[in-house]
Amino acid sequence: MNRSIGRRHASRTLSAATIATTTILTVVSMPSNGSGSAPGAATEKPTEMATVDSVNVHIVSTMLASRGLGEWGFSALVQADDHSILIDVGHDPDLVLGNARQMGVDLSEVETVVLSHFHPDHTGALLKLRRELMKQNPEALSTIHVGKEFFGSRRTPGDDVERNLMVAVRELVEATGARFVEHEGPTELFRGVWVTGPVPRVHPERNWSGSLEVRTAAGWVEDTVPDSQSLVLNTREGLVVLSGCGHAGIINTLEYARSVIRPAPIHAALGGFHLLEADDEHLEWTASRLRDLGLEHFLGAHCTGIEAVFRIREHAGLTRETCVVGAVGATFSLENGLDPLTLAR
């Protein structure tokens, strides 16, 4: 079935933010709430907030494949009302393009990208995808939202080799006419569609490898992937949260989304959540917190781990219909819930 995505040429307005138009890289932060809170801290929300009425999500890149090919990477196409967003772009551009074509999706009509963090399995395909897709649409993948420290210099302890490939790729992507928008805090991209920006680490969810260091004003420190962010859709059913790896921790992310966007139940958590190495105790704690947050649908792709999905299903009180392993070709919608296809059902 052909799922054509309408091309969007309307201007993009980032609410609660001032955008500097003199540079390609734009830093967006929440205004002060008068209480001395840091950018991105929870602020008082109006009683009526914009919601998304229609949501359709298609998994384009992950390891398991019910349709197309799998890879160690992640990408998902999100259709929210009239807007189409690609969260992460996978690693292999040819694989991502091939999978999209098999799903009847024309990625050249997608103009907005949200990158969850700098790792190459989520960003590696960006440059080639941009160059290829702009042949059909000059605006394809032209606005790219990243969290603060996305371009931070990384190294392996003891050497001086740049390990953040996006430092070099940035200039090449910008040369195509695309722009990066860097977020310090939560920002509404479109009506009811948010990025969290970097997520505070309230709970000790250690979801990163520890093999790299990042350069800060204080010098080189352990790279905890501080740029890790998620995409959040505010719907009538609750919040729909999409994660690339969840290096900030799934509970930290979901609680933060509820505090800065709307204290609603978590209708769906979809994507990678880096629980593949979590022990039984941590998985039980995670599932218990998910149950308390009102989680109704869970799709664990990429680095979530197959066993972790089954444990969450068991301890969060979910079912085979509402908690599934993510595969290429899997879908989610507000109307129909999860469709993992046959292999992952």
Protein backbone atom coordinates (compact mmCIF):
# COMPACT_ATOMS: atom_id res chain seq x y z
CA MET A 1 0.00 0.00 0.00
CA ASN A 2 1.37 3.42 -0.91
CA ARG A 3 1.57 5.70 2.10
CA SER A 4 2.43 8.99 0.45
CA ILE A 5 3.63 11.73 2.73
CA GLY A 6 2.47 15.25 1.92
CA ARG A 7 5.28 17.67 1.23
CA ARG A 8 5.42 20.52 3.71
CA HIS A 9 6.68 23.92 2.55
CA ALA A 10 5.12 26.03 5.31
CA SER A 11 7.48 28.00 7.53
CA ARG A 12 8.52 26.34 10.78
CA THR A 13 7.93 28.17 14.05
CA LEU A 14 9.60 26.89 17.20
CA SER A 15 7.43 27.99 20.10
CA ALA A 16 8.92 29.21 23.39
CA ALA A 17 12.18 29.90 21.61
CA THR A 18 14.06 32.66 19.85
CA ILE A 19 15.87 31.53 16.73
CA ALA A 20 19.03 33.29 15.62
CA THR A 21 18.75 33.65 11.85
CA THR A 22 22.30 34.76 11.22
CA THR A 23 23.87 31.31 11.66
CA ILE A 24 23.04 27.88 10.36
CA LEU A 25 23.51 26.22 13.75
CA THR A 26 20.78 27.59 16.00
CA VAL A 27 20.66 27.22 19.77
CA VAL A 28 17.14 27.03 21.17
CA SER A 29 16.48 27.32 24.89
CA MET A 30 13.42 27.79 27.06
CA PRO A 31 12.97 31.29 28.47
CA SER A 32 13.48 31.88 32.16
CA ASN A 33 10.41 31.22 34.31
CA GLY A 34 11.48 33.81 36.84
CA SER A 35 12.34 31.23 39.48
CA GLY A 36 15.98 30.82 38.57
CA SER A 37 15.37 27.39 37.02
CA ALA A 38 17.88 26.15 34.47
CA PRO A 39 16.83 26.04 30.81
CA GLY A 40 14.59 23.03 30.24
CA ALA A 41 13.30 22.87 33.82
CA ALA A 42 9.59 22.18 34.26
CA THR A 43 7.48 25.32 33.99
CA GLU A 44 3.81 26.00 34.58
CA LYS A 45 1.75 24.94 31.57
CA PRO A 46 -1.48 26.45 30.25
CA THR A 47 -4.62 24.47 31.00
CA GLU A 48 -5.21 23.81 27.29
CA MET A 49 -2.28 22.48 25.26
CA ALA A 50 -2.11 21.66 21.58
CA THR A 51 -2.59 17.98 20.81
CA VAL A 52 -1.90 15.78 17.81
CA ASP A 53 -5.01 14.07 16.44
CA SER A 54 -3.43 11.57 14.05
CA VAL A 55 -0.23 9.55 14.62
CA ASN A 56 1.36 6.95 12.35
CA VAL A 57 4.83 5.54 13.01
CA HIS A 58 6.81 3.28 10.65
CA ILE A 59 10.04 1.55 11.74
CA VAL A 60 12.52 1.99 8.88
CA SER A 61 15.77 0.75 10.45
CA THR A 62 16.50 -1.65 13.29
CA MET A 63 18.12 -5.08 13.68
CA LEU A 64 15.13 -7.41 13.29
CA ALA A 65 13.36 -7.29 9.94
CA SER A 66 9.87 -8.52 9.12
CA ARG A 67 10.14 -6.57 5.87
CA GLY A 68 13.27 -5.30 4.13
CA LEU A 69 16.69 -5.65 5.77
CA GLY A 70 17.96 -5.19 9.33
CA GLU A 71 21.05 -3.38 10.59
CA TRP A 72 22.58 -2.23 13.87
CA GLY A 73 20.91 1.15 13.78
CA PHE A 74 17.60 2.92 14.17
CA SER A 75 15.28 5.14 12.17
CA ALA A 76 11.52 5.71 12.29
CA LEU A 77 9.18 7.79 10.18
CA VAL A 78 6.62 9.69 12.26
CA GLN A 79 3.50 11.20 10.71
CA ALA A 80 1.80 13.57 13.16
CA ASP A 81 -1.25 15.26 11.66
CA ASP A 82 0.11 17.08 8.59
CA HIS A 83 3.78 16.83 9.55
CA SER A 84 6.31 14.13 8.69
CA ILE A 85 9.43 13.68 10.81
CA LEU A 86 12.30 11.23 10.57
CA ILE A 87 13.69 10.38 14.00
CA ASP A 88 17.24 9.18 13.43
CA VAL A 89 18.43 8.08 9.99
CA GLY A 90 20.06 4.69 10.59
CA HIS A 91 23.59 3.77 9.56
CA ASP A 92 23.43 2.47 5.97
CA PRO A 93 21.68 4.91 3.60
CA ASP A 94 21.08 2.31 0.89
CA LEU A 95 19.41 -0.01 3.40
CA VAL A 96 17.23 2.81 4.78
CA LEU A 97 16.15 3.88 1.29
CA GLY A 98 15.43 0.29 0.27
CA ASN A 99 13.37 -0.39 3.38
CA ALA A 100 11.38 2.82 2.90
CA ARG A 101 10.59 1.92 -0.71
CA GLN A 102 9.36 -1.54 0.33
CA MET A 103 7.06 0.17 2.84
CA GLY A 104 5.66 2.52 0.19
CA VAL A 105 7.23 5.58 1.79
CA ASP A 106 8.88 8.39 -0.18
CA LEU A 107 11.48 9.87 2.15
CA SER A 108 12.17 12.72 -0.27
CA GLU A 109 8.97 14.34 1.02
CA VAL A 110 10.25 14.40 4.64
CA GLU A 111 11.86 17.72 5.49
CA THR A 112 12.28 17.51 9.29
CA VAL A 113 14.80 15.27 11.08
CA VAL A 114 15.23 14.72 14.82
CA LEU A 115 18.53 13.09 15.78
CA SER A 116 18.38 11.46 19.21
CA HIS A 117 22.17 11.61 19.73
CA PHE A 118 25.44 11.68 17.83
CA HIS A 119 26.25 7.93 17.55
CA PRO A 120 26.85 6.74 13.96
CA ASP A 121 24.23 3.97 14.06
CA HIS A 122 21.67 6.81 14.33
CA THR A 123 23.36 9.44 12.15
CA GLY A 124 25.62 7.62 9.69
CA ALA A 125 23.21 7.74 6.75
CA LEU A 126 22.46 11.47 7.06
CA LEU A 127 24.81 12.96 4.47
CA LYS A 128 24.16 10.44 1.72
CA LEU A 129 20.41 10.45 2.35
CA ARG A 130 20.33 14.24 2.19
CA ARG A 131 22.32 14.32 -1.06
CA GLU A 132 20.20 11.62 -2.67
CA LEU A 133 16.77 12.82 -1.58
CA MET A 134 17.34 16.49 -2.41
CA LYS A 135 17.46 15.46 -6.08
CA GLN A 136 13.68 15.00 -5.82
CA ASN A 137 13.04 17.70 -3.21
CA PRO A 138 15.63 20.38 -2.35
CA GLU A 139 14.09 20.66 1.13
CA ALA A 140 14.32 16.94 1.94
CA LEU A 141 15.90 16.38 5.39
CA SER A 142 16.83 20.07 5.42
CA THR A 143 16.04 20.94 9.07
CA ILE A 144 17.84 18.74 11.60
CA HIS A 145 17.11 19.03 15.33
CA VAL A 146 19.83 17.95 17.78
CA GLY A 147 20.45 18.23 21.51
CA LYS A 148 23.10 20.43 23.08
CA GLU A 149 26.57 18.79 23.02
CA PHE A 150 25.65 16.82 19.87
CA PHE A 151 28.76 18.28 18.22
CA GLY A 152 30.91 17.97 21.33
CA SER A 153 34.39 16.62 20.65
CA ARG A 154 34.86 12.99 21.77
CA ARG A 155 37.94 10.86 22.26
CA THR A 156 39.00 7.48 23.57
CA PRO A 157 40.82 8.07 26.88
CA GLY A 158 44.51 8.53 26.20
CA ASP A 159 44.37 9.49 22.51
CA ASP A 160 43.56 12.62 20.52
CA VAL A 161 41.62 11.06 17.61
CA GLU A 162 38.21 12.68 17.06
CA ARG A 163 35.56 10.00 17.71
CA ASN A 164 32.50 12.12 16.99
CA LEU A 165 32.10 11.67 13.25
CA MET A 166 29.43 14.38 13.16
CA VAL A 167 32.08 17.03 13.83
CA ALA A 168 33.41 16.49 10.29
CA VAL A 169 30.08 15.61 8.68
CA ARG A 170 28.42 18.79 9.94
CA GLU A 171 30.15 21.06 7.43
CA LEU A 172 29.37 18.70 4.53
CA VAL A 173 25.68 18.55 5.47
CA GLU A 174 25.47 22.33 5.85
CA ALA A 175 27.10 22.72 2.43
CA THR A 176 24.00 21.11 0.91
CA GLY A 177 21.85 23.91 2.33
CA ALA A 178 20.56 21.99 5.35
CA ARG A 179 20.67 23.50 8.84
CA PHE A 180 21.09 22.11 12.34
CA VAL A 181 18.97 23.42 15.20
CA GLU A 182 20.48 22.73 18.63
CA HIS A 183 18.14 22.46 21.63
CA GLU A 184 19.07 23.18 25.25
CA GLY A 185 15.58 22.40 26.53
CA PRO A 186 12.11 21.19 25.51
CA THR A 187 10.75 22.83 22.36
CA GLU A 188 7.48 22.50 20.45
CA LEU A 189 8.43 21.97 16.80
CA PHE A 190 4.88 21.81 15.49
CA ARG A 191 1.47 21.86 17.15
CA GLY A 192 1.65 19.11 19.80
CA VAL A 193 5.04 17.82 18.55
CA TRP A 194 8.00 18.30 20.92
CA VAL A 195 11.65 17.51 21.34
CA THR A 196 12.79 17.13 24.94
CA GLY A 197 16.30 18.45 24.46
CA PRO A 198 18.84 16.91 26.87
CA VAL A 199 17.13 14.96 29.67
CA PRO A 200 18.14 15.39 33.35
CA ARG A 201 19.46 12.16 34.92
CA VAL A 202 17.32 11.97 38.07
CA HIS A 203 17.39 8.18 38.38
CA PRO A 204 20.68 6.23 38.13
CA GLU A 205 19.94 4.62 34.77
CA ARG A 206 23.42 4.01 33.39
CA ASN A 207 22.66 3.50 29.72
CA TRP A 208 25.93 4.24 27.96
CA SER A 209 29.14 2.36 27.28
CA GLY A 210 31.65 4.53 29.15
CA SER A 211 34.27 4.00 26.45
CA LEU A 212 34.54 7.66 25.39
CA GLU A 213 35.25 11.06 26.90
CA VAL A 214 33.67 14.36 25.88
CA ARG A 215 35.41 17.72 26.04
CA THR A 216 33.74 20.27 28.33
CA ALA A 217 34.66 23.65 29.77
CA ALA A 218 36.08 21.75 32.73
CA GLY A 219 38.17 19.47 30.52
CA TRP A 220 37.70 15.88 29.35
CA VAL A 221 35.05 13.92 31.27
CA GLU A 222 33.25 10.61 30.80
CA ASP A 223 30.86 10.79 27.85
CA THR A 224 27.40 10.06 29.27
CA VAL A 225 25.86 11.08 25.91
CA PRO A 226 24.52 14.36 27.32
CA ASP A 227 22.91 15.23 23.96
CA SER A 228 20.44 12.32 24.25
CA GLN A 229 16.91 13.56 23.49
CA SER A 230 13.52 12.15 22.47
CA LEU A 231 10.56 13.10 20.30
CA VAL A 232 7.22 13.48 22.14
CA LEU A 233 3.73 13.71 20.67
CA ASN A 234 1.02 15.15 22.90
CA THR A 235 -2.15 13.23 21.92
CA ARG A 236 -5.66 12.96 23.31
CA GLU A 237 -4.77 9.44 24.52
CA GLY A 238 -1.64 10.59 26.36
CA LEU A 239 2.01 11.06 25.41
CA VAL A 240 3.62 9.09 22.59
CA VAL A 241 7.41 9.06 23.10
CA LEU A 242 9.95 8.01 20.47
CA SER A 243 13.49 7.19 21.54
CA GLY A 244 16.64 6.37 19.57
CA CYS A 245 18.68 4.72 22.33
CA GLY A 246 17.39 6.31 25.51
CA HIS A 247 20.88 6.93 26.86
CA ALA A 248 19.35 9.28 29.44
CA GLY A 249 17.25 6.36 30.74
CA ILE A 250 13.70 5.47 29.77
CA ILE A 251 12.22 6.44 33.16
CA ASN A 252 14.20 9.70 33.30
CA THR A 253 12.95 10.48 29.78
CA LEU A 254 9.29 9.66 30.35
CA GLU A 255 9.10 11.45 33.69
CA TYR A 256 10.78 14.51 32.18
CA ALA A 257 8.36 14.53 29.26
CA ARG A 258 5.43 14.47 31.69
CA SER A 259 6.93 17.29 33.75
CA VAL A 260 7.71 19.67 30.89
CA ILE A 261 4.94 18.89 28.40
CA ARG A 262 1.88 17.41 30.12
CA PRO A 263 1.42 15.13 33.16
CA ALA A 264 -0.51 12.62 31.07
CA PRO A 265 -0.24 8.81 30.95
CA ILE A 266 2.34 7.37 28.57
CA HIS A 267 0.18 6.05 25.77
CA ALA A 268 3.16 4.60 23.88
CA ALA A 269 6.93 4.31 24.21
CA LEU A 270 8.53 3.34 20.89
CA GLY A 271 12.12 2.82 19.76
CA GLY A 272 15.44 1.94 21.34
CA PHE A 273 15.85 2.08 25.13
CA HIS A 274 19.29 0.49 25.73
CA LEU A 275 18.11 -2.18 28.17
CA LEU A 276 19.88 -5.09 26.47
CA GLU A 277 22.43 -5.42 29.29
CA ALA A 278 20.07 -4.62 32.18
CA ASP A 279 19.85 -7.25 34.92
CA ASP A 280 16.60 -8.70 36.26
CA GLU A 281 16.42 -6.28 39.16
CA HIS A 282 16.76 -3.23 36.93
CA LEU A 283 14.23 -4.57 34.42
CA GLU A 284 11.70 -5.21 37.18
CA TRP A 285 12.24 -1.69 38.54
CA THR A 286 11.86 -0.25 35.04
CA ALA A 287 8.66 -2.18 34.33
CA SER A 288 7.19 -1.17 37.68
CA ARG A 289 7.82 2.51 36.94
CA LEU A 290 6.38 2.10 33.44
CA ARG A 291 3.23 0.62 34.93
CA ASP A 292 2.98 3.57 37.35
CA LEU A 293 3.29 5.95 34.38
CA GLY A 294 0.25 4.36 32.75
CA LEU A 295 2.16 2.80 29.83
CA GLU A 296 -0.27 1.27 27.33
CA HIS A 297 1.93 0.34 24.34
CA PHE A 298 5.63 -0.57 24.18
CA LEU A 299 7.74 -1.29 21.12
CA GLY A 300 11.34 -2.13 21.99
CA ALA A 301 13.63 -1.91 18.98
CA HIS A 302 17.36 -1.51 18.33
CA CYS A 303 19.27 -1.66 21.66
CA THR A 304 16.30 -2.48 23.90
CA GLY A 305 17.01 -6.21 23.90
CA ILE A 306 14.57 -9.02 23.13
CA GLU A 307 14.64 -10.47 26.64
CA ALA A 308 14.12 -7.00 28.09
CA VAL A 309 10.93 -6.60 26.03
CA PHE A 310 9.55 -9.88 27.36
CA ARG A 311 10.38 -8.93 30.96
CA ILE A 312 8.70 -5.55 30.56
CA ARG A 313 5.64 -7.26 29.07
CA GLU A 314 5.46 -9.54 32.09
CA HIS A 315 6.13 -7.04 34.88
CA ALA A 316 4.28 -4.04 33.41
CA GLY A 317 1.12 -6.07 32.86
CA LEU A 318 1.14 -5.74 29.07
CA THR A 319 0.25 -8.33 26.40
CA ARG A 320 1.44 -9.69 23.06
CA GLU A 321 -0.73 -7.06 21.40
CA THR A 322 0.59 -4.11 23.45
CA CYS A 323 4.27 -4.98 24.05
CA VAL A 324 6.35 -6.16 21.10
CA VAL A 325 9.87 -6.41 19.72
CA GLY A 326 10.47 -3.73 17.09
CA ALA A 327 11.18 -4.85 13.54
CA VAL A 328 11.62 -3.12 10.19
CA GLY A 329 8.13 -2.61 8.81
CA ALA A 330 6.40 -2.49 12.20
CA THR A 331 3.86 0.29 12.65
CA PHE A 332 1.96 2.13 15.36
CA SER A 333 -1.07 4.37 15.11
CA LEU A 334 -3.51 5.94 17.54
CA GLU A 335 -6.35 4.17 15.78
CA ASN A 336 -4.91 0.66 15.51
CA GLY A 337 -2.14 0.44 18.10
CA LEU A 338 0.88 -1.74 17.34
CA ASP A 339 1.36 -3.95 14.29
CA PRO A 340 4.74 -5.72 14.66
CA LEU A 341 4.13 -7.93 11.59
CA THR A 342 4.36 -11.71 11.78
CA LEU A 343 7.98 -12.26 12.85
CA ALA A 344 7.85 -10.10 15.97
CA ARG A 345 4.26 -10.74 17.01
